């Protein structure tokens, strides 16, 4: 055998062994991925609509989301969320947020990212808008609260504060600290 032929056969053998090795590692990764995916038995929904009812079964509110997904720890994460109270509840508030999370065995909904609560008949009977980055909502008790910075517009008046507790059914608002505002008569 000539030295050229020996070098060519050696290179071809090395290339064949290397490609076999790569195909084995890719197959192992795919098998591992399938095992991980099958361990999570949660669900996901697109265009989700979840109804919340009171103790007597009447409709209190609905949560609409572009996507809802149950996580391994049974919490449910929503994206592009809108929460509306039913007309029967007599709470004229709508809340939108980038995301929401419902934890198992908790009545609260944690809203995050560009949270905006609006009402045509809000505080003092005026059109009201509340903006913050994080908001905890107890939809059955109509309570919204945050420790984060909050911006509030009531008619032509505007306020900013750090921390807020709002009773949506009573149209009552408590600001925690660093309150400043602008009032136009």
N, C-alpha and C. Protein backbone atom coordinates (compact mmCIF):
# COMPACT_ATOMS: atom_id res chain seq x y z
N UNK A 1 0.83 -1.18 0.00
CA UNK A 1 0.00 0.00 0.00
C UNK A 1 0.88 1.25 0.00
N UNK A 2 0.39 2.20 -0.74
CA UNK A 2 1.15 3.43 -0.83
C UNK A 2 0.86 4.31 0.39
N UNK A 3 1.78 5.18 0.76
CA UNK A 3 1.56 6.06 1.92
C UNK A 3 0.35 6.96 1.73
N UNK A 4 0.06 7.39 0.51
CA UNK A 4 -1.13 8.22 0.26
C UNK A 4 -2.41 7.46 0.58
N UNK A 5 -2.47 6.21 0.18
CA UNK A 5 -3.66 5.39 0.42
C UNK A 5 -3.84 5.15 1.91
N UNK A 6 -2.78 4.94 2.65
CA UNK A 6 -2.86 4.73 4.09
C UNK A 6 -3.40 6.00 4.78
N UNK A 7 -2.91 7.16 4.40
CA UNK A 7 -3.36 8.42 4.98
C UNK A 7 -4.84 8.64 4.65
N UNK A 8 -5.25 8.37 3.40
CA UNK A 8 -6.65 8.55 2.99
C UNK A 8 -7.57 7.62 3.77
N UNK A 9 -7.19 6.35 3.90
CA UNK A 9 -8.01 5.40 4.66
C UNK A 9 -8.09 5.80 6.14
N UNK A 10 -7.01 6.28 6.70
CA UNK A 10 -7.00 6.71 8.10
C UNK A 10 -7.94 7.90 8.29
N UNK A 11 -7.87 8.87 7.39
CA UNK A 11 -8.75 10.03 7.49
C UNK A 11 -10.21 9.64 7.31
N UNK A 12 -10.53 8.77 6.37
CA UNK A 12 -11.91 8.30 6.16
C UNK A 12 -12.41 7.54 7.38
N UNK A 13 -11.58 6.71 7.97
CA UNK A 13 -11.97 5.95 9.16
C UNK A 13 -12.23 6.91 10.33
N UNK A 14 -11.38 7.90 10.50
CA UNK A 14 -11.55 8.89 11.58
C UNK A 14 -12.84 9.68 11.37
N UNK A 15 -13.13 10.08 10.14
CA UNK A 15 -14.35 10.83 9.84
C UNK A 15 -15.58 9.97 10.11
N UNK A 16 -15.53 8.70 9.73
CA UNK A 16 -16.67 7.80 9.97
C UNK A 16 -16.90 7.62 11.48
N UNK A 17 -15.85 7.41 12.24
CA UNK A 17 -16.00 7.25 13.70
C UNK A 17 -16.51 8.53 14.34
N UNK A 18 -16.04 9.67 13.89
CA UNK A 18 -16.48 10.96 14.44
C UNK A 18 -17.97 11.21 14.15
N UNK A 19 -18.41 10.91 12.92
CA UNK A 19 -19.83 11.11 12.59
C UNK A 19 -20.70 10.12 13.36
N UNK A 20 -20.24 8.90 13.57
CA UNK A 20 -20.99 7.93 14.39
C UNK A 20 -21.12 8.45 15.81
N UNK A 21 -20.03 8.99 16.37
CA UNK A 21 -20.05 9.53 17.73
C UNK A 21 -21.04 10.69 17.85
N UNK A 22 -21.02 11.60 16.89
CA UNK A 22 -21.95 12.73 16.91
C UNK A 22 -23.39 12.26 16.82
N UNK A 23 -23.68 11.28 16.00
CA UNK A 23 -25.06 10.80 15.88
C UNK A 23 -25.52 10.15 17.18
N UNK A 24 -24.64 9.50 17.91
CA UNK A 24 -25.00 8.87 19.19
C UNK A 24 -25.32 9.93 20.24
N UNK A 25 -24.53 11.01 20.34
CA UNK A 25 -24.78 12.04 21.35
C UNK A 25 -26.05 12.80 21.03
N UNK A 26 -26.37 13.07 19.76
CA UNK A 26 -27.62 13.75 19.40
C UNK A 26 -28.82 12.90 19.79
N UNK A 27 -28.74 11.60 19.58
CA UNK A 27 -29.85 10.72 19.91
C UNK A 27 -30.07 10.68 21.43
N UNK A 28 -28.98 10.67 22.20
CA UNK A 28 -29.11 10.66 23.65
C UNK A 28 -29.75 11.95 24.15
N UNK A 29 -29.39 13.11 23.58
CA UNK A 29 -30.00 14.38 23.97
C UNK A 29 -31.49 14.40 23.67
N UNK A 30 -31.88 13.88 22.50
CA UNK A 30 -33.29 13.85 22.13
C UNK A 30 -34.06 12.95 23.09
N UNK A 31 -33.48 11.82 23.48
CA UNK A 31 -34.13 10.92 24.43
C UNK A 31 -34.30 11.61 25.78
N UNK A 32 -33.26 12.33 26.23
CA UNK A 32 -33.35 13.05 27.49
C UNK A 32 -34.43 14.11 27.44
N UNK A 33 -34.53 14.83 26.32
CA UNK A 33 -35.56 15.87 26.18
C UNK A 33 -36.95 15.27 26.25
N UNK A 34 -37.16 14.13 25.60
CA UNK A 34 -38.48 13.49 25.64
C UNK A 34 -38.83 13.06 27.06
N UNK A 35 -37.87 12.58 27.82
CA UNK A 35 -38.13 12.17 29.19
C UNK A 35 -38.51 13.36 30.05
N UNK A 36 -37.83 14.49 29.89
CA UNK A 36 -38.16 15.69 30.65
C UNK A 36 -39.54 16.19 30.29
N UNK A 37 -39.87 16.21 29.01
CA UNK A 37 -41.17 16.70 28.57
C UNK A 37 -42.31 15.83 29.09
N UNK A 38 -42.13 14.54 29.17
CA UNK A 38 -43.21 13.67 29.61
C UNK A 38 -43.41 13.70 31.12
N UNK A 39 -42.43 14.21 31.87
CA UNK A 39 -42.59 14.28 33.31
C UNK A 39 -43.54 15.39 33.73
N UNK A 40 -43.72 16.42 32.91
CA UNK A 40 -44.62 17.53 33.23
C UNK A 40 -46.00 17.21 32.66
N UNK A 41 -46.96 16.97 33.53
CA UNK A 41 -48.29 16.57 33.10
C UNK A 41 -49.28 17.73 33.13
N UNK A 42 -48.80 18.97 33.22
CA UNK A 42 -49.68 20.13 33.26
C UNK A 42 -50.35 20.35 31.92
N UNK A 43 -51.18 21.35 31.88
CA UNK A 43 -51.90 21.68 30.66
C UNK A 43 -51.56 23.09 30.24
N UNK A 44 -51.91 23.41 29.02
CA UNK A 44 -51.83 24.79 28.56
C UNK A 44 -53.05 25.06 27.69
N UNK A 45 -53.46 26.30 27.68
CA UNK A 45 -54.62 26.71 26.91
C UNK A 45 -54.27 27.96 26.11
N UNK A 46 -54.81 28.06 24.94
CA UNK A 46 -54.72 29.30 24.17
C UNK A 46 -56.10 29.93 24.19
N UNK A 47 -56.14 31.25 24.22
CA UNK A 47 -57.40 31.98 24.33
C UNK A 47 -58.21 31.46 25.52
N UNK A 48 -57.57 31.47 26.69
CA UNK A 48 -58.18 30.93 27.89
C UNK A 48 -59.20 31.89 28.48
N UNK A 49 -60.24 31.34 29.04
CA UNK A 49 -61.27 32.11 29.73
C UNK A 49 -61.66 31.33 30.97
N UNK A 50 -61.37 31.90 32.13
CA UNK A 50 -61.64 31.23 33.40
C UNK A 50 -62.66 32.06 34.16
N UNK A 51 -63.69 31.40 34.67
CA UNK A 51 -64.76 32.08 35.39
C UNK A 51 -64.59 31.87 36.88
N UNK A 52 -64.75 32.96 37.65
CA UNK A 52 -64.69 32.88 39.10
C UNK A 52 -66.09 33.09 39.65
N UNK A 53 -66.50 32.22 40.54
CA UNK A 53 -67.85 32.30 41.10
C UNK A 53 -67.80 32.54 42.60
N UNK A 54 -68.90 33.06 43.12
CA UNK A 54 -69.03 33.29 44.54
C UNK A 54 -69.48 32.02 45.25
N UNK A 55 -69.66 32.09 46.57
CA UNK A 55 -70.07 30.92 47.34
C UNK A 55 -71.42 30.35 46.90
N UNK A 56 -72.29 31.21 46.37
CA UNK A 56 -73.60 30.75 45.92
C UNK A 56 -73.61 30.33 44.45
N UNK A 57 -72.45 30.36 43.79
CA UNK A 57 -72.34 29.92 42.40
C UNK A 57 -72.58 30.99 41.36
N UNK A 58 -72.85 32.22 41.80
CA UNK A 58 -73.05 33.29 40.82
C UNK A 58 -71.71 33.75 40.26
N UNK A 59 -71.73 34.20 39.02
CA UNK A 59 -70.51 34.66 38.36
C UNK A 59 -70.05 35.98 38.98
N UNK A 60 -68.79 36.02 39.45
CA UNK A 60 -68.22 37.24 40.01
C UNK A 60 -67.30 37.94 39.02
N UNK A 61 -66.45 37.17 38.35
CA UNK A 61 -65.44 37.75 37.47
C UNK A 61 -65.02 36.71 36.44
N UNK A 62 -64.32 37.19 35.41
CA UNK A 62 -63.73 36.28 34.44
C UNK A 62 -62.31 36.74 34.14
N UNK A 63 -61.45 35.76 33.93
CA UNK A 63 -60.06 36.02 33.55
C UNK A 63 -59.91 35.55 32.11
N UNK A 64 -59.50 36.44 31.24
CA UNK A 64 -59.23 36.10 29.85
C UNK A 64 -57.73 36.26 29.62
N UNK A 65 -57.14 35.33 28.89
CA UNK A 65 -55.70 35.39 28.62
C UNK A 65 -55.42 34.80 27.25
N UNK A 66 -54.36 35.29 26.64
CA UNK A 66 -53.93 34.73 25.37
C UNK A 66 -53.44 33.30 25.57
N UNK A 67 -52.79 33.06 26.72
CA UNK A 67 -52.26 31.72 27.01
C UNK A 67 -52.29 31.48 28.52
N UNK A 68 -52.62 30.27 28.91
CA UNK A 68 -52.56 29.84 30.30
C UNK A 68 -51.83 28.51 30.34
N UNK A 69 -50.93 28.37 31.32
CA UNK A 69 -50.15 27.14 31.42
C UNK A 69 -49.98 26.72 32.87
N UNK A 70 -50.30 25.46 33.14
CA UNK A 70 -50.10 24.91 34.48
C UNK A 70 -48.64 24.50 34.62
N UNK A 71 -48.01 24.95 35.69
CA UNK A 71 -46.61 24.63 35.94
C UNK A 71 -46.50 23.37 36.80
N UNK A 72 -45.28 22.86 36.95
CA UNK A 72 -45.06 21.62 37.69
C UNK A 72 -45.52 21.73 39.15
N UNK A 73 -45.45 22.92 39.75
CA UNK A 73 -45.88 23.09 41.14
C UNK A 73 -47.37 23.46 41.24
N UNK A 74 -48.12 23.25 40.15
CA UNK A 74 -49.58 23.47 40.06
C UNK A 74 -50.00 24.93 40.03
N UNK A 75 -49.08 25.87 39.98
CA UNK A 75 -49.50 27.25 39.78
C UNK A 75 -49.87 27.41 38.31
N UNK A 76 -50.72 28.37 38.02
CA UNK A 76 -51.14 28.62 36.65
C UNK A 76 -50.62 29.99 36.25
N UNK A 77 -49.92 30.05 35.14
CA UNK A 77 -49.38 31.30 34.64
C UNK A 77 -50.13 31.71 33.39
N UNK A 78 -50.53 32.97 33.35
CA UNK A 78 -51.29 33.52 32.24
C UNK A 78 -50.45 34.59 31.55
N UNK A 79 -50.66 34.77 30.26
CA UNK A 79 -50.01 35.88 29.56
C UNK A 79 -51.07 36.70 28.85
N UNK A 80 -50.80 38.02 28.77
CA UNK A 80 -51.72 39.00 28.18
C UNK A 80 -53.12 38.82 28.78
N UNK A 81 -53.24 39.29 30.02
CA UNK A 81 -54.40 39.01 30.86
C UNK A 81 -55.37 40.18 30.92
N UNK A 82 -56.66 39.85 31.01
CA UNK A 82 -57.72 40.83 31.26
C UNK A 82 -58.68 40.21 32.26
N UNK A 83 -58.97 40.97 33.34
CA UNK A 83 -59.92 40.52 34.35
C UNK A 83 -61.09 41.49 34.36
N UNK A 84 -62.29 40.97 34.20
CA UNK A 84 -63.51 41.77 34.23
C UNK A 84 -64.43 41.24 35.31
N UNK A 85 -65.02 42.14 36.07
CA UNK A 85 -66.06 41.75 37.01
C UNK A 85 -67.38 41.66 36.28
N UNK A 86 -68.24 40.76 36.70
CA UNK A 86 -69.54 40.59 36.04
C UNK A 86 -70.45 41.77 36.40
N UNK A 87 -71.39 42.08 35.54
CA UNK A 87 -72.34 43.17 35.85
C UNK A 87 -73.14 42.90 37.13
N UNK A 88 -73.41 41.64 37.44
CA UNK A 88 -74.15 41.29 38.65
C UNK A 88 -73.37 41.62 39.93
N UNK A 89 -72.04 41.64 39.84
CA UNK A 89 -71.23 41.94 41.03
C UNK A 89 -71.24 43.43 41.36
N UNK A 90 -71.67 44.26 40.43
CA UNK A 90 -71.75 45.71 40.62
C UNK A 90 -70.39 46.31 40.98
N UNK A 91 -69.34 45.78 40.37
CA UNK A 91 -67.97 46.30 40.54
C UNK A 91 -67.48 46.68 39.14
N UNK A 92 -67.50 47.98 38.80
CA UNK A 92 -67.22 48.40 37.43
C UNK A 92 -65.73 48.54 37.12
N UNK A 93 -64.93 47.54 37.43
CA UNK A 93 -63.50 47.61 37.21
C UNK A 93 -63.07 46.56 36.19
N UNK A 94 -62.08 46.91 35.36
CA UNK A 94 -61.41 45.99 34.45
C UNK A 94 -59.92 46.13 34.69
N UNK A 95 -59.21 45.02 34.68
CA UNK A 95 -57.78 45.03 34.98
C UNK A 95 -57.06 44.28 33.86
N UNK A 96 -55.98 44.87 33.34
CA UNK A 96 -55.15 44.22 32.33
C UNK A 96 -53.71 44.17 32.83
N UNK A 97 -52.98 43.15 32.38
CA UNK A 97 -51.57 43.00 32.77
C UNK A 97 -50.87 42.11 31.74
N UNK A 98 -49.55 42.20 31.73
CA UNK A 98 -48.77 41.34 30.85
C UNK A 98 -48.87 39.88 31.28
N UNK A 99 -48.76 39.64 32.60
CA UNK A 99 -48.82 38.28 33.12
C UNK A 99 -49.64 38.23 34.40
N UNK A 100 -50.09 37.03 34.72
CA UNK A 100 -50.77 36.79 35.99
C UNK A 100 -50.42 35.38 36.44
N UNK A 101 -50.41 35.19 37.76
CA UNK A 101 -50.13 33.88 38.33
C UNK A 101 -51.15 33.59 39.41
N UNK A 102 -51.71 32.39 39.35
CA UNK A 102 -52.60 31.91 40.41
C UNK A 102 -51.90 30.74 41.07
N UNK A 103 -51.75 30.81 42.38
CA UNK A 103 -51.09 29.75 43.13
C UNK A 103 -52.14 28.80 43.69
N UNK A 104 -51.80 27.51 43.83
CA UNK A 104 -52.77 26.56 44.36
C UNK A 104 -53.15 26.93 45.80
N UNK A 105 -54.39 26.73 46.14
CA UNK A 105 -54.92 26.98 47.49
C UNK A 105 -54.80 28.43 47.93
N UNK A 106 -54.73 29.36 46.99
CA UNK A 106 -54.73 30.79 47.32
C UNK A 106 -55.79 31.48 46.49
N UNK A 107 -56.46 32.44 47.09
CA UNK A 107 -57.53 33.17 46.40
C UNK A 107 -56.98 34.34 45.60
N UNK A 108 -55.72 34.70 45.81
CA UNK A 108 -55.17 35.89 45.16
C UNK A 108 -54.60 35.59 43.79
N UNK A 109 -54.62 36.63 42.96
CA UNK A 109 -54.01 36.58 41.63
C UNK A 109 -52.87 37.60 41.65
N UNK A 110 -51.68 37.17 41.29
CA UNK A 110 -50.54 38.08 41.23
C UNK A 110 -50.39 38.55 39.79
N UNK A 111 -50.59 39.85 39.58
CA UNK A 111 -50.49 40.46 38.26
C UNK A 111 -49.15 41.18 38.15
N UNK A 112 -48.53 41.12 36.98
CA UNK A 112 -47.23 41.77 36.82
C UNK A 112 -47.08 42.30 35.39
N UNK A 113 -46.32 43.36 35.27
CA UNK A 113 -46.00 43.93 33.97
C UNK A 113 -47.10 44.81 33.41
N UNK A 114 -46.90 46.11 33.45
CA UNK A 114 -47.85 47.08 32.89
C UNK A 114 -49.28 46.83 33.37
N UNK A 115 -49.44 46.71 34.67
CA UNK A 115 -50.77 46.47 35.24
C UNK A 115 -51.56 47.77 35.18
N UNK A 116 -52.80 47.67 34.70
CA UNK A 116 -53.66 48.84 34.57
C UNK A 116 -55.08 48.45 34.96
N UNK A 117 -55.61 49.12 35.99
CA UNK A 117 -56.99 48.92 36.43
C UNK A 117 -57.77 50.17 36.09
N UNK A 118 -58.92 50.00 35.43
CA UNK A 118 -59.71 51.16 35.01
C UNK A 118 -61.17 50.97 35.38
N UNK A 119 -61.83 52.12 35.61
CA UNK A 119 -63.26 52.13 35.90
C UNK A 119 -63.86 53.45 35.44
N UNK A 120 -65.02 53.38 34.83
CA UNK A 120 -65.74 54.60 34.44
C UNK A 120 -66.42 55.25 35.64
N UNK A 121 -66.64 54.45 36.68
CA UNK A 121 -67.33 54.95 37.88
C UNK A 121 -66.44 54.74 39.10
N UNK A 122 -65.17 55.02 38.99
CA UNK A 122 -64.20 54.74 40.05
C UNK A 122 -64.33 55.63 41.25
N UNK A 123 -63.22 55.98 41.83
CA UNK A 123 -63.17 56.75 43.05
C UNK A 123 -63.79 58.12 42.83
N UNK A 124 -64.57 58.58 43.75
CA UNK A 124 -65.31 59.85 43.69
C UNK A 124 -66.28 59.88 42.52
N UNK A 125 -66.62 58.71 41.97
CA UNK A 125 -67.55 58.64 40.86
C UNK A 125 -66.96 59.06 39.53
N UNK A 126 -65.66 59.36 39.50
CA UNK A 126 -64.99 59.80 38.27
C UNK A 126 -64.30 58.63 37.58
N UNK A 127 -64.00 58.84 36.31
CA UNK A 127 -63.21 57.86 35.57
C UNK A 127 -61.86 57.73 36.27
N UNK A 128 -61.47 56.49 36.57
CA UNK A 128 -60.26 56.25 37.37
C UNK A 128 -59.37 55.23 36.68
N UNK A 129 -58.06 55.50 36.76
CA UNK A 129 -57.07 54.58 36.20
C UNK A 129 -55.94 54.41 37.21
N UNK A 130 -55.58 53.17 37.47
CA UNK A 130 -54.47 52.84 38.37
C UNK A 130 -53.42 52.10 37.54
N UNK A 131 -52.16 52.55 37.65
CA UNK A 131 -51.07 51.90 36.92
C UNK A 131 -49.96 51.52 37.91
N UNK A 132 -49.44 50.31 37.74
CA UNK A 132 -48.32 49.84 38.56
C UNK A 132 -47.67 48.68 37.83
N UNK A 133 -46.56 48.18 38.36
CA UNK A 133 -45.89 47.04 37.74
C UNK A 133 -46.27 45.71 38.39
N UNK A 134 -46.71 45.75 39.65
CA UNK A 134 -47.09 44.53 40.36
C UNK A 134 -48.33 44.81 41.18
N UNK A 135 -49.30 43.90 41.12
CA UNK A 135 -50.55 44.08 41.87
C UNK A 135 -51.06 42.72 42.32
N UNK A 136 -51.41 42.63 43.59
CA UNK A 136 -52.06 41.43 44.10
C UNK A 136 -53.55 41.70 44.14
N UNK A 137 -54.33 40.82 43.54
CA UNK A 137 -55.77 41.00 43.49
C UNK A 137 -56.45 39.82 44.17
N UNK A 138 -57.33 40.14 45.10
CA UNK A 138 -58.20 39.13 45.69
C UNK A 138 -59.57 39.35 45.04
N UNK A 139 -59.85 38.65 43.94
CA UNK A 139 -61.05 38.98 43.16
C UNK A 139 -62.36 38.69 43.88
N UNK A 140 -62.38 37.73 44.79
CA UNK A 140 -63.62 37.43 45.50
C UNK A 140 -63.95 38.45 46.56
N UNK A 141 -62.93 39.10 47.11
CA UNK A 141 -63.15 40.14 48.13
C UNK A 141 -62.97 41.54 47.55
N UNK A 142 -62.70 41.63 46.25
CA UNK A 142 -62.60 42.91 45.53
C UNK A 142 -61.47 43.80 46.07
N UNK A 143 -60.38 43.21 46.51
CA UNK A 143 -59.28 43.96 47.10
C UNK A 143 -58.06 43.87 46.19
N UNK A 144 -57.45 45.04 45.91
CA UNK A 144 -56.22 45.11 45.13
C UNK A 144 -55.17 45.82 45.97
N UNK A 145 -53.96 45.28 45.99
CA UNK A 145 -52.90 45.93 46.77
C UNK A 145 -51.54 45.72 46.14
N UNK A 146 -50.66 46.67 46.46
CA UNK A 146 -49.29 46.60 45.97
C UNK A 146 -48.39 47.36 46.93
N UNK A 147 -47.12 46.96 46.98
CA UNK A 147 -46.09 47.70 47.70
C UNK A 147 -45.24 48.50 46.74
N UNK A 148 -45.50 48.36 45.45
CA UNK A 148 -44.71 49.03 44.42
C UNK A 148 -45.21 50.46 44.19
N UNK A 149 -44.50 51.16 43.34
CA UNK A 149 -44.90 52.51 42.96
C UNK A 149 -46.20 52.42 42.16
N UNK A 150 -47.10 53.36 42.41
CA UNK A 150 -48.40 53.36 41.75
C UNK A 150 -48.73 54.76 41.26
N UNK A 151 -49.34 54.84 40.08
CA UNK A 151 -49.81 56.10 39.52
C UNK A 151 -51.33 56.00 39.42
N UNK A 152 -52.01 57.01 39.90
CA UNK A 152 -53.46 57.00 39.93
C UNK A 152 -53.97 58.27 39.27
N UNK A 153 -54.93 58.11 38.38
CA UNK A 153 -55.60 59.25 37.76
C UNK A 153 -57.08 59.13 38.08
N UNK A 154 -57.62 60.16 38.75
CA UNK A 154 -59.03 60.22 39.09
C UNK A 154 -59.58 61.48 38.44
N UNK A 155 -60.32 61.30 37.34
CA UNK A 155 -60.77 62.46 36.57
C UNK A 155 -59.57 63.23 36.08
N UNK A 156 -59.48 64.54 36.41
CA UNK A 156 -58.34 65.36 36.00
C UNK A 156 -57.24 65.40 37.06
N UNK A 157 -57.45 64.73 38.18
CA UNK A 157 -56.44 64.71 39.25
C UNK A 157 -55.52 63.51 39.07
N UNK A 158 -54.26 63.68 39.48
CA UNK A 158 -53.32 62.56 39.41
C UNK A 158 -52.50 62.49 40.68
N UNK A 159 -52.19 61.27 41.06
CA UNK A 159 -51.42 60.99 42.28
C UNK A 159 -50.37 59.94 41.97
N UNK A 160 -49.27 60.00 42.70
CA UNK A 160 -48.30 58.91 42.70
C UNK A 160 -48.02 58.57 44.14
N UNK A 161 -47.69 57.31 44.38
CA UNK A 161 -47.41 56.86 45.74
C UNK A 161 -46.62 55.57 45.67
N UNK A 162 -46.13 55.17 46.80
CA UNK A 162 -45.51 53.86 46.95
C UNK A 162 -46.42 53.05 47.86
N UNK A 163 -47.00 52.02 47.32
CA UNK A 163 -47.91 51.17 48.07
C UNK A 163 -49.34 51.67 48.03
N UNK A 164 -50.28 50.71 47.91
CA UNK A 164 -51.68 51.06 47.81
C UNK A 164 -52.53 49.87 48.25
N UNK A 165 -53.67 50.18 48.85
CA UNK A 165 -54.68 49.18 49.17
C UNK A 165 -56.00 49.74 48.68
N UNK A 166 -56.67 49.02 47.78
CA UNK A 166 -57.91 49.52 47.19
C UNK A 166 -59.02 48.50 47.40
N UNK A 167 -60.17 48.99 47.82
CA UNK A 167 -61.38 48.18 47.90
C UNK A 167 -62.22 48.55 46.68
N UNK A 168 -62.25 47.68 45.69
CA UNK A 168 -62.88 48.00 44.42
C UNK A 168 -64.40 48.07 44.51
N UNK A 169 -65.01 47.29 45.38
CA UNK A 169 -66.47 47.32 45.48
C UNK A 169 -66.96 48.50 46.31
N UNK A 170 -66.11 49.04 47.17
CA UNK A 170 -66.48 50.21 47.99
C UNK A 170 -65.89 51.50 47.43
N UNK A 171 -65.12 51.41 46.35
CA UNK A 171 -64.43 52.57 45.77
C UNK A 171 -63.67 53.34 46.84
N UNK A 172 -62.86 52.61 47.60
CA UNK A 172 -62.06 53.20 48.67
C UNK A 172 -60.59 52.91 48.37
N UNK A 173 -59.75 53.91 48.61
CA UNK A 173 -58.34 53.81 48.27
C UNK A 173 -57.49 54.31 49.43
N UNK A 174 -56.46 53.53 49.80
CA UNK A 174 -55.49 53.95 50.81
C UNK A 174 -54.11 53.92 50.18
N UNK A 175 -53.41 55.05 50.24
CA UNK A 175 -52.05 55.12 49.73
C UNK A 175 -51.10 55.00 50.91
N UNK A 176 -49.99 54.28 50.74
CA UNK A 176 -49.12 53.95 51.86
C UNK A 176 -48.08 55.04 52.17
N UNK A 177 -47.27 55.44 51.19
CA UNK A 177 -46.21 56.40 51.47
C UNK A 177 -45.79 57.14 50.19
N UNK A 178 -44.95 58.17 50.39
CA UNK A 178 -44.42 58.98 49.29
C UNK A 178 -45.52 59.48 48.36
N UNK A 179 -46.57 59.97 48.93
CA UNK A 179 -47.72 60.43 48.15
C UNK A 179 -47.45 61.83 47.63
N UNK A 180 -47.68 62.03 46.34
CA UNK A 180 -47.63 63.37 45.75
C UNK A 180 -48.69 63.41 44.66
N UNK A 181 -49.18 64.61 44.40
CA UNK A 181 -50.25 64.69 43.43
C UNK A 181 -50.42 66.04 42.80
N UNK A 182 -51.31 66.09 41.82
CA UNK A 182 -51.62 67.31 41.12
C UNK A 182 -53.14 67.38 40.99
N UNK A 183 -53.70 68.45 41.53
CA UNK A 183 -55.15 68.62 41.52
C UNK A 183 -55.48 69.89 40.76
N UNK A 184 -56.30 69.76 39.75
CA UNK A 184 -56.76 70.91 38.98
C UNK A 184 -58.23 71.11 39.32
N UNK A 185 -58.60 72.32 39.80
CA UNK A 185 -59.98 72.52 40.23
C UNK A 185 -60.97 72.43 39.08
